[in-house]
């Protein structure tokens, strides 16, 4: 059986919207290395439409600047959850039909899949108990508004590990209780 883990940028008040607008001052080489380790660990990416479209537009042009990370990001397979897309590019496959059902089938294939961003997808898969681990980068920022990572579906998580970075970001890993 495969595994699914979600890697998320989150503020202290749980907001995950537009991390590029608030994460910059705290993102450092330590977080960059942690992100590279996450990418190396997975066999493919699970992405929601919005994240997919942003990544597909940005990453192909960033490979030279980002080296091995960019090469891996561009070459790895992607699975995209969308009700509006009819085709994909950038080494991506559109998930057909019911997304949690399609992801459950992928999980049976013994792959390790990483969700990057894609809060709506995380919420959908969390409700279906398909996520095995949540890897959160908790930034020392309170935005006061925005989309929260965890919505209305109740669940209990157990802390599996944590550490703080030199810049003050907490990396916390949670698993379903």
N, C-alpha and C. Protein backbone atom coordinates (compact mmCIF):
# COMPACT_ATOMS: atom_id res chain seq x y z
N UNK A 1 0.85 -1.18 0.00
CA UNK A 1 0.00 0.00 0.00
C UNK A 1 0.89 1.24 0.00
N UNK A 2 0.54 2.20 -0.81
CA UNK A 2 1.29 3.45 -0.89
C UNK A 2 0.99 4.38 0.27
N UNK A 3 1.65 5.52 0.25
CA UNK A 3 1.46 6.53 1.30
C UNK A 3 1.21 7.87 0.65
N UNK A 4 0.48 8.72 1.38
CA UNK A 4 0.25 10.08 0.94
C UNK A 4 0.62 11.01 2.07
N UNK A 5 1.47 11.99 1.76
CA UNK A 5 1.76 13.01 2.75
C UNK A 5 1.55 14.39 2.14
N UNK A 6 1.09 15.30 2.99
CA UNK A 6 0.83 16.68 2.56
C UNK A 6 1.89 17.58 3.16
N UNK A 7 2.45 18.45 2.34
CA UNK A 7 3.43 19.43 2.79
C UNK A 7 2.80 20.81 2.61
N UNK A 8 2.68 21.55 3.72
CA UNK A 8 1.90 22.78 3.69
C UNK A 8 2.59 23.94 4.41
N UNK A 9 2.48 25.10 3.81
CA UNK A 9 2.86 26.37 4.44
C UNK A 9 1.62 26.86 5.20
N UNK A 10 1.77 27.19 6.47
CA UNK A 10 0.63 27.62 7.28
C UNK A 10 1.06 28.75 8.21
N UNK A 11 0.18 29.72 8.39
CA UNK A 11 0.43 30.78 9.37
C UNK A 11 0.00 30.30 10.75
N UNK A 12 0.33 31.05 11.78
CA UNK A 12 -0.09 30.69 13.13
C UNK A 12 -1.60 30.61 13.26
N UNK A 13 -2.33 31.39 12.46
CA UNK A 13 -3.79 31.34 12.53
C UNK A 13 -4.38 30.39 11.48
N UNK A 14 -3.56 29.49 10.93
CA UNK A 14 -4.05 28.42 10.09
C UNK A 14 -4.25 28.74 8.62
N UNK A 15 -3.88 29.95 8.19
CA UNK A 15 -4.08 30.35 6.80
C UNK A 15 -3.00 29.72 5.92
N UNK A 16 -3.46 29.25 4.76
CA UNK A 16 -2.51 28.64 3.81
C UNK A 16 -2.51 29.36 2.46
N UNK A 17 -3.32 30.41 2.32
CA UNK A 17 -3.39 31.17 1.08
C UNK A 17 -2.11 31.92 0.78
N UNK A 18 -1.72 31.93 -0.48
CA UNK A 18 -0.66 32.79 -0.99
C UNK A 18 0.57 32.86 -0.08
N UNK A 19 1.22 31.73 0.19
CA UNK A 19 2.38 31.77 1.09
C UNK A 19 3.52 32.66 0.58
N UNK A 20 3.57 32.89 -0.72
CA UNK A 20 4.59 33.78 -1.26
C UNK A 20 4.48 35.19 -0.73
N UNK A 21 3.30 35.56 -0.24
CA UNK A 21 3.10 36.91 0.29
C UNK A 21 3.54 37.05 1.73
N UNK A 22 3.72 35.95 2.45
CA UNK A 22 4.08 36.07 3.87
C UNK A 22 5.22 35.17 4.34
N UNK A 23 5.68 34.22 3.53
CA UNK A 23 6.71 33.28 4.01
C UNK A 23 8.14 33.73 3.76
N UNK A 24 8.33 34.64 2.83
CA UNK A 24 9.66 35.02 2.38
C UNK A 24 10.69 35.34 3.45
N UNK A 25 10.38 36.20 4.41
CA UNK A 25 11.40 36.57 5.39
C UNK A 25 11.92 35.40 6.24
N UNK A 26 11.18 34.30 6.30
CA UNK A 26 11.56 33.18 7.15
C UNK A 26 12.05 31.97 6.37
N UNK A 27 11.85 31.98 5.05
CA UNK A 27 12.28 30.84 4.24
C UNK A 27 13.80 30.91 4.10
N UNK A 28 14.47 29.83 4.45
CA UNK A 28 15.94 29.83 4.42
C UNK A 28 16.47 28.52 3.85
N UNK A 29 17.78 28.35 3.87
CA UNK A 29 18.40 27.15 3.33
C UNK A 29 17.94 25.89 4.06
N UNK A 30 17.67 26.01 5.34
CA UNK A 30 17.21 24.86 6.13
C UNK A 30 15.85 24.37 5.61
N UNK A 31 14.94 25.28 5.35
CA UNK A 31 13.63 24.91 4.81
C UNK A 31 13.75 24.43 3.36
N UNK A 32 14.65 25.04 2.63
CA UNK A 32 14.88 24.62 1.25
C UNK A 32 15.36 23.17 1.21
N UNK A 33 16.28 22.81 2.10
CA UNK A 33 16.78 21.43 2.16
C UNK A 33 15.67 20.47 2.59
N UNK A 34 14.85 20.89 3.54
CA UNK A 34 13.73 20.06 4.00
C UNK A 34 12.75 19.82 2.86
N UNK A 35 12.46 20.87 2.09
CA UNK A 35 11.57 20.73 0.94
C UNK A 35 12.18 19.78 -0.10
N UNK A 36 13.47 19.88 -0.33
CA UNK A 36 14.13 18.99 -1.29
C UNK A 36 14.03 17.53 -0.82
N UNK A 37 14.20 17.30 0.47
CA UNK A 37 14.07 15.94 1.01
C UNK A 37 12.65 15.40 0.79
N UNK A 38 11.65 16.24 1.01
CA UNK A 38 10.26 15.82 0.77
C UNK A 38 10.06 15.43 -0.69
N UNK A 39 10.56 16.24 -1.60
CA UNK A 39 10.39 15.98 -3.02
C UNK A 39 11.11 14.69 -3.43
N UNK A 40 12.28 14.45 -2.87
CA UNK A 40 13.02 13.22 -3.19
C UNK A 40 12.32 11.98 -2.66
N UNK A 41 11.60 12.14 -1.57
CA UNK A 41 10.93 11.00 -0.94
C UNK A 41 9.73 10.49 -1.74
N UNK A 42 9.11 11.36 -2.51
CA UNK A 42 7.87 10.97 -3.18
C UNK A 42 8.11 10.44 -4.59
N UNK A 43 7.14 9.64 -5.03
CA UNK A 43 7.16 9.10 -6.39
C UNK A 43 6.36 9.96 -7.35
N UNK A 44 5.49 10.81 -6.80
CA UNK A 44 4.65 11.67 -7.63
C UNK A 44 3.99 12.73 -6.77
N UNK A 45 3.44 13.74 -7.45
CA UNK A 45 2.75 14.84 -6.76
C UNK A 45 1.25 14.74 -6.99
N UNK A 46 0.48 15.04 -5.96
CA UNK A 46 -0.96 15.22 -6.07
C UNK A 46 -1.20 16.71 -5.97
N UNK A 47 -1.91 17.27 -6.94
CA UNK A 47 -2.12 18.71 -6.97
C UNK A 47 -3.57 19.04 -7.29
N UNK A 48 -4.08 20.09 -6.66
CA UNK A 48 -5.35 20.66 -7.07
C UNK A 48 -5.11 21.53 -8.30
N UNK A 49 -6.19 21.91 -8.96
CA UNK A 49 -6.07 22.67 -10.21
C UNK A 49 -5.30 23.97 -10.06
N UNK A 50 -5.63 24.76 -9.04
CA UNK A 50 -4.99 26.07 -8.88
C UNK A 50 -3.49 25.92 -8.67
N UNK A 51 -3.10 25.02 -7.79
CA UNK A 51 -1.67 24.79 -7.55
C UNK A 51 -1.00 24.25 -8.80
N UNK A 52 -1.65 23.31 -9.45
CA UNK A 52 -1.10 22.74 -10.68
C UNK A 52 -0.86 23.83 -11.73
N UNK A 53 -1.84 24.67 -11.96
CA UNK A 53 -1.68 25.70 -12.99
C UNK A 53 -0.55 26.67 -12.64
N UNK A 54 -0.43 27.04 -11.38
CA UNK A 54 0.65 27.92 -10.97
C UNK A 54 2.02 27.26 -11.12
N UNK A 55 2.12 26.02 -10.67
CA UNK A 55 3.37 25.28 -10.77
C UNK A 55 3.75 25.04 -12.23
N UNK A 56 2.78 24.61 -13.05
CA UNK A 56 3.05 24.30 -14.46
C UNK A 56 3.51 25.53 -15.23
N UNK A 57 3.07 26.68 -14.81
CA UNK A 57 3.49 27.92 -15.47
C UNK A 57 4.89 28.32 -15.01
N UNK A 58 5.18 28.14 -13.73
CA UNK A 58 6.43 28.65 -13.16
C UNK A 58 7.62 27.69 -13.29
N UNK A 59 7.43 26.41 -12.94
CA UNK A 59 8.58 25.52 -12.79
C UNK A 59 9.37 25.22 -14.05
N UNK A 60 8.75 25.04 -15.20
CA UNK A 60 9.59 24.77 -16.38
C UNK A 60 10.63 25.86 -16.65
N UNK A 61 10.32 27.09 -16.33
CA UNK A 61 11.27 28.19 -16.55
C UNK A 61 12.27 28.34 -15.41
N UNK A 62 12.08 27.61 -14.32
CA UNK A 62 12.94 27.78 -13.14
C UNK A 62 13.97 26.67 -12.98
N UNK A 63 13.99 25.71 -13.88
CA UNK A 63 14.86 24.56 -13.71
C UNK A 63 16.33 24.95 -13.63
N UNK A 64 16.78 25.82 -14.50
CA UNK A 64 18.19 26.22 -14.50
C UNK A 64 18.55 26.91 -13.18
N UNK A 65 17.66 27.75 -12.69
CA UNK A 65 17.92 28.52 -11.47
C UNK A 65 17.86 27.63 -10.21
N UNK A 66 17.05 26.56 -10.25
CA UNK A 66 16.83 25.76 -9.05
C UNK A 66 17.57 24.42 -9.07
N UNK A 67 18.30 24.14 -10.11
CA UNK A 67 19.16 22.96 -10.16
C UNK A 67 18.43 21.64 -10.04
N UNK A 68 18.94 20.76 -9.19
CA UNK A 68 18.40 19.41 -9.04
C UNK A 68 16.95 19.43 -8.57
N UNK A 69 16.60 20.37 -7.70
CA UNK A 69 15.21 20.47 -7.22
C UNK A 69 14.29 20.74 -8.41
N UNK A 70 14.65 21.68 -9.25
CA UNK A 70 13.84 22.01 -10.41
C UNK A 70 13.76 20.86 -11.40
N UNK A 71 14.86 20.16 -11.60
CA UNK A 71 14.84 19.00 -12.49
C UNK A 71 13.88 17.94 -11.97
N UNK A 72 13.96 17.68 -10.68
CA UNK A 72 13.06 16.69 -10.07
C UNK A 72 11.61 17.15 -10.16
N UNK A 73 11.35 18.42 -9.85
CA UNK A 73 9.99 18.96 -9.90
C UNK A 73 9.41 18.83 -11.30
N UNK A 74 10.21 19.08 -12.31
CA UNK A 74 9.72 19.02 -13.68
C UNK A 74 9.57 17.59 -14.21
N UNK A 75 10.38 16.67 -13.73
CA UNK A 75 10.36 15.32 -14.29
C UNK A 75 9.40 14.37 -13.58
N UNK A 76 9.10 14.62 -12.33
CA UNK A 76 8.26 13.72 -11.56
C UNK A 76 6.82 13.74 -12.10
N UNK A 77 6.12 12.62 -11.99
CA UNK A 77 4.73 12.56 -12.42
C UNK A 77 3.82 13.35 -11.49
N UNK A 78 2.78 13.92 -12.08
CA UNK A 78 1.81 14.70 -11.30
C UNK A 78 0.42 14.16 -11.57
N UNK A 79 -0.42 14.17 -10.53
CA UNK A 79 -1.82 13.79 -10.65
C UNK A 79 -2.63 15.00 -10.24
N UNK A 80 -3.54 15.43 -11.11
CA UNK A 80 -4.24 16.70 -10.92
C UNK A 80 -5.72 16.46 -10.70
N UNK A 81 -6.23 17.02 -9.59
CA UNK A 81 -7.66 16.98 -9.29
C UNK A 81 -8.30 18.25 -9.83
N UNK A 82 -9.24 18.10 -10.74
CA UNK A 82 -9.93 19.25 -11.31
C UNK A 82 -11.26 18.83 -11.89
N UNK A 83 -12.25 19.69 -11.72
CA UNK A 83 -13.54 19.45 -12.37
C UNK A 83 -13.67 20.30 -13.63
N UNK A 84 -12.69 21.16 -13.88
CA UNK A 84 -12.80 22.07 -15.04
C UNK A 84 -11.77 21.81 -16.13
N UNK A 85 -10.62 21.27 -15.80
CA UNK A 85 -9.62 20.98 -16.83
C UNK A 85 -10.04 19.79 -17.67
N UNK A 86 -9.71 19.84 -18.94
CA UNK A 86 -9.97 18.70 -19.83
C UNK A 86 -8.69 18.05 -20.31
N UNK A 87 -7.57 18.73 -20.10
CA UNK A 87 -6.28 18.16 -20.47
C UNK A 87 -5.20 18.75 -19.57
N UNK A 88 -4.06 18.08 -19.54
CA UNK A 88 -2.93 18.55 -18.74
C UNK A 88 -1.66 18.45 -19.57
N UNK A 89 -0.63 19.11 -19.08
CA UNK A 89 0.71 19.02 -19.66
C UNK A 89 1.66 18.92 -18.48
N UNK A 90 2.95 19.11 -18.70
CA UNK A 90 3.96 19.13 -17.64
C UNK A 90 3.98 17.80 -16.89
N UNK A 91 3.96 16.70 -17.65
CA UNK A 91 4.06 15.37 -17.07
C UNK A 91 2.95 15.09 -16.06
N UNK A 92 1.74 15.52 -16.38
CA UNK A 92 0.61 15.41 -15.45
C UNK A 92 -0.52 14.57 -16.04
N UNK A 93 -1.23 13.92 -15.13
CA UNK A 93 -2.39 13.12 -15.47
C UNK A 93 -3.59 13.68 -14.73
N UNK A 94 -4.68 13.86 -15.43
CA UNK A 94 -5.91 14.35 -14.82
C UNK A 94 -6.61 13.20 -14.12
N UNK A 95 -6.97 13.41 -12.85
CA UNK A 95 -7.72 12.39 -12.12
C UNK A 95 -9.16 12.40 -12.61
N UNK A 96 -9.66 11.26 -12.98
CA UNK A 96 -11.00 11.15 -13.55
C UNK A 96 -12.01 10.75 -12.47
N UNK A 97 -13.23 11.26 -12.60
CA UNK A 97 -14.33 10.86 -11.71
C UNK A 97 -14.18 11.39 -10.30
N UNK A 98 -14.62 10.59 -9.35
CA UNK A 98 -14.58 10.95 -7.94
C UNK A 98 -13.12 11.01 -7.47
N UNK A 99 -12.69 12.18 -7.01
CA UNK A 99 -11.28 12.36 -6.67
C UNK A 99 -10.82 11.45 -5.53
N UNK A 100 -11.52 11.41 -4.38
CA UNK A 100 -11.04 10.49 -3.34
C UNK A 100 -10.96 9.03 -3.81
N UNK A 101 -11.90 8.62 -4.63
CA UNK A 101 -11.87 7.25 -5.16
C UNK A 101 -10.66 7.06 -6.08
N UNK A 102 -10.39 8.03 -6.94
CA UNK A 102 -9.24 7.95 -7.84
C UNK A 102 -7.93 7.93 -7.05
N UNK A 103 -7.85 8.74 -6.00
CA UNK A 103 -6.64 8.78 -5.17
C UNK A 103 -6.49 7.48 -4.38
N UNK A 104 -7.57 6.92 -3.91
CA UNK A 104 -7.50 5.63 -3.20
C UNK A 104 -6.92 4.56 -4.12
N UNK A 105 -7.28 4.58 -5.39
CA UNK A 105 -6.72 3.62 -6.36
C UNK A 105 -5.22 3.87 -6.57
N UNK A 106 -4.83 5.15 -6.63
CA UNK A 106 -3.40 5.46 -6.75
C UNK A 106 -2.63 4.95 -5.54
N UNK A 107 -3.23 5.12 -4.37
CA UNK A 107 -2.58 4.70 -3.13
C UNK A 107 -2.36 3.19 -3.11
N UNK A 108 -3.25 2.45 -3.74
CA UNK A 108 -3.11 0.99 -3.82
C UNK A 108 -1.92 0.57 -4.68
N UNK A 109 -1.41 1.49 -5.49
CA UNK A 109 -0.32 1.17 -6.42
C UNK A 109 1.06 1.21 -5.80
N UNK A 110 1.12 1.35 -4.48
CA UNK A 110 2.39 1.31 -3.75
C UNK A 110 3.29 2.52 -4.03
N UNK A 111 2.69 3.62 -4.44
CA UNK A 111 3.45 4.85 -4.64
C UNK A 111 3.42 5.70 -3.38
N UNK A 112 4.46 6.50 -3.19
CA UNK A 112 4.45 7.55 -2.18
C UNK A 112 4.15 8.84 -2.90
N UNK A 113 3.04 9.47 -2.53
CA UNK A 113 2.59 10.68 -3.20
C UNK A 113 2.61 11.85 -2.23
N UNK A 114 3.03 13.00 -2.73
CA UNK A 114 3.08 14.21 -1.92
C UNK A 114 2.07 15.22 -2.45
N UNK A 115 1.29 15.76 -1.54
CA UNK A 115 0.41 16.87 -1.88
C UNK A 115 1.18 18.14 -1.55
N UNK A 116 1.28 19.03 -2.50
CA UNK A 116 1.92 20.32 -2.27
C UNK A 116 0.84 21.39 -2.36
N UNK A 117 0.68 22.18 -1.31
CA UNK A 117 -0.38 23.19 -1.32
C UNK A 117 -1.72 22.53 -1.46
N UNK A 118 -2.55 23.05 -2.38
CA UNK A 118 -3.80 22.38 -2.75
C UNK A 118 -4.73 22.13 -1.56
N UNK A 119 -5.06 23.19 -0.83
CA UNK A 119 -5.84 23.05 0.41
C UNK A 119 -7.19 22.37 0.21
N UNK A 120 -7.88 22.66 -0.88
CA UNK A 120 -9.18 22.01 -1.12
C UNK A 120 -8.99 20.50 -1.32
N UNK A 121 -7.94 20.12 -2.01
CA UNK A 121 -7.65 18.70 -2.20
C UNK A 121 -7.32 18.05 -0.87
N UNK A 122 -6.51 18.72 -0.06
CA UNK A 122 -6.17 18.20 1.27
C UNK A 122 -7.44 17.95 2.07
N UNK A 123 -8.35 18.92 2.06
CA UNK A 123 -9.59 18.79 2.83
C UNK A 123 -10.42 17.61 2.34
N UNK A 124 -10.52 17.45 1.04
CA UNK A 124 -11.28 16.35 0.45
C UNK A 124 -10.68 15.00 0.82
N UNK A 125 -9.36 14.90 0.73
CA UNK A 125 -8.70 13.63 1.03
C UNK A 125 -8.65 13.37 2.53
N UNK A 126 -8.57 14.42 3.33
CA UNK A 126 -8.62 14.25 4.79
C UNK A 126 -9.98 13.70 5.21
N UNK A 127 -11.05 14.20 4.60
CA UNK A 127 -12.40 13.72 4.90
C UNK A 127 -12.55 12.25 4.55
N UNK A 128 -11.80 11.79 3.56
CA UNK A 128 -11.85 10.38 3.14
C UNK A 128 -10.79 9.53 3.83
N UNK A 129 -10.08 10.09 4.81
CA UNK A 129 -9.02 9.39 5.55
C UNK A 129 -7.94 8.80 4.64
N UNK A 130 -7.52 9.57 3.64
CA UNK A 130 -6.52 9.08 2.70
C UNK A 130 -5.12 9.65 2.95
N UNK A 131 -5.00 10.65 3.81
CA UNK A 131 -3.69 11.26 4.06
C UNK A 131 -3.04 10.60 5.27
N UNK A 132 -1.82 10.13 5.07
CA UNK A 132 -1.11 9.41 6.12
C UNK A 132 -0.28 10.33 7.02
N UNK A 133 0.06 11.50 6.50
CA UNK A 133 0.95 12.38 7.27
C UNK A 133 0.79 13.81 6.78
N UNK A 134 0.82 14.74 7.74
CA UNK A 134 0.75 16.17 7.45
C UNK A 134 2.07 16.78 7.90
N UNK A 135 2.79 17.37 6.98
CA UNK A 135 4.07 18.02 7.29
C UNK A 135 3.85 19.52 7.14
N UNK A 136 3.77 20.19 8.25
CA UNK A 136 3.41 21.61 8.26
C UNK A 136 4.62 22.47 8.56
N UNK A 137 4.76 23.53 7.79
CA UNK A 137 5.72 24.59 8.08
C UNK A 137 4.88 25.72 8.68
N UNK A 138 4.98 25.90 9.97
CA UNK A 138 4.15 26.89 10.66
C UNK A 138 4.98 28.16 10.83
N UNK A 139 4.55 29.20 10.11
CA UNK A 139 5.29 30.46 10.07
C UNK A 139 4.81 31.40 11.18
N UNK A 140 5.72 32.19 11.75
CA UNK A 140 5.36 33.11 12.84
C UNK A 140 4.67 34.36 12.32
N UNK A 141 3.54 34.14 11.64
CA UNK A 141 2.77 35.20 11.00
C UNK A 141 1.30 34.98 11.31
N UNK A 142 0.58 36.05 11.60
CA UNK A 142 -0.88 36.00 11.75
C UNK A 142 -1.44 36.92 10.67
N UNK A 143 -2.20 36.34 9.74
CA UNK A 143 -2.74 37.15 8.65
C UNK A 143 -4.12 37.72 8.98
N UNK A 144 -4.85 37.09 9.88
CA UNK A 144 -6.16 37.59 10.27
C UNK A 144 -7.28 37.18 9.34
N UNK A 145 -6.96 36.78 8.12
CA UNK A 145 -8.00 36.32 7.20
C UNK A 145 -7.36 35.49 6.10
N UNK A 146 -8.20 34.74 5.41
CA UNK A 146 -7.73 33.89 4.33
C UNK A 146 -8.25 32.48 4.49
N UNK A 147 -8.01 31.68 3.49
CA UNK A 147 -8.44 30.28 3.54
C UNK A 147 -7.58 29.51 4.52
N UNK A 148 -8.24 28.77 5.37
CA UNK A 148 -7.56 27.96 6.36
C UNK A 148 -7.26 26.57 5.77
N UNK A 149 -6.19 25.97 6.22
CA UNK A 149 -5.83 24.65 5.74
C UNK A 149 -6.89 23.63 6.14
N UNK A 150 -7.29 23.64 7.38
CA UNK A 150 -8.26 22.67 7.85
C UNK A 150 -9.62 23.34 7.97
N UNK A 151 -10.60 22.75 7.29
CA UNK A 151 -11.94 23.32 7.27
C UNK A 151 -12.86 22.68 8.27
N UNK A 152 -14.05 22.33 7.82
CA UNK A 152 -15.11 21.91 8.72
C UNK A 152 -15.10 20.43 9.09
N UNK A 153 -14.26 19.64 8.45
CA UNK A 153 -14.22 18.21 8.75
C UNK A 153 -13.39 17.99 10.01
N UNK A 154 -14.01 17.42 11.03
CA UNK A 154 -13.31 17.19 12.29
C UNK A 154 -12.41 15.96 12.18
N UNK A 155 -11.22 16.08 12.73
CA UNK A 155 -10.32 14.93 12.83
C UNK A 155 -9.35 15.20 13.97
N UNK A 156 -8.78 14.13 14.46
CA UNK A 156 -7.80 14.22 15.54
C UNK A 156 -6.46 13.76 15.00
N UNK A 157 -5.43 14.53 15.28
CA UNK A 157 -4.10 14.22 14.80
C UNK A 157 -3.16 14.02 15.98
N UNK A 158 -2.12 13.25 15.76
CA UNK A 158 -1.10 13.01 16.77
C UNK A 158 0.22 13.58 16.26
N UNK A 159 0.90 14.33 17.11
CA UNK A 159 2.20 14.88 16.75
C UNK A 159 3.22 13.75 16.65
N UNK A 160 3.85 13.63 15.48
CA UNK A 160 4.84 12.59 15.24
C UNK A 160 6.26 13.12 15.32
N UNK A 161 6.40 14.45 15.26
CA UNK A 161 7.72 15.05 15.34
C UNK A 161 7.63 16.54 15.12
N UNK A 162 8.60 17.25 15.68
CA UNK A 162 8.63 18.70 15.47
C UNK A 162 10.03 19.22 15.72
N UNK A 163 10.28 20.34 15.10
CA UNK A 163 11.54 21.06 15.33
C UNK A 163 11.33 22.49 14.86
N UNK A 164 12.15 23.36 15.35
CA UNK A 164 12.07 24.74 14.88
C UNK A 164 13.32 25.04 14.05
N UNK A 165 13.14 25.90 13.07
CA UNK A 165 14.26 26.29 12.24
C UNK A 165 14.93 27.50 12.86
N UNK A 166 16.10 27.79 12.37
CA UNK A 166 16.85 28.95 12.84
C UNK A 166 16.06 30.25 12.65
N UNK A 167 15.21 30.29 11.62
CA UNK A 167 14.45 31.50 11.31
C UNK A 167 13.15 31.60 12.11
N UNK A 168 12.80 30.57 12.88
CA UNK A 168 11.59 30.62 13.71
C UNK A 168 10.39 29.90 13.15
N UNK A 169 10.56 29.21 12.05
CA UNK A 169 9.47 28.40 11.49
C UNK A 169 9.46 27.06 12.23
N UNK A 170 8.28 26.61 12.60
CA UNK A 170 8.14 25.30 13.24
C UNK A 170 7.76 24.29 12.16
N UNK A 171 8.50 23.23 12.09
CA UNK A 171 8.16 22.11 11.21
C UNK A 171 7.53 21.06 12.10
N UNK A 172 6.26 20.80 11.87
CA UNK A 172 5.52 19.83 12.69
C UNK A 172 4.95 18.76 11.78
N UNK A 173 5.14 17.53 12.20
CA UNK A 173 4.60 16.40 11.45
C UNK A 173 3.51 15.74 12.29
N UNK A 174 2.34 15.62 11.68
CA UNK A 174 1.19 15.01 12.35
C UNK A 174 0.71 13.81 11.55
N UNK A 175 0.19 12.82 12.27
CA UNK A 175 -0.44 11.66 11.65
C UNK A 175 -1.85 11.53 12.21
N UNK A 176 -2.76 10.92 11.45
CA UNK A 176 -4.10 10.71 12.00
C UNK A 176 -4.02 9.88 13.28
N UNK A 177 -4.83 10.25 14.27
CA UNK A 177 -4.81 9.55 15.56
C UNK A 177 -5.44 8.16 15.41
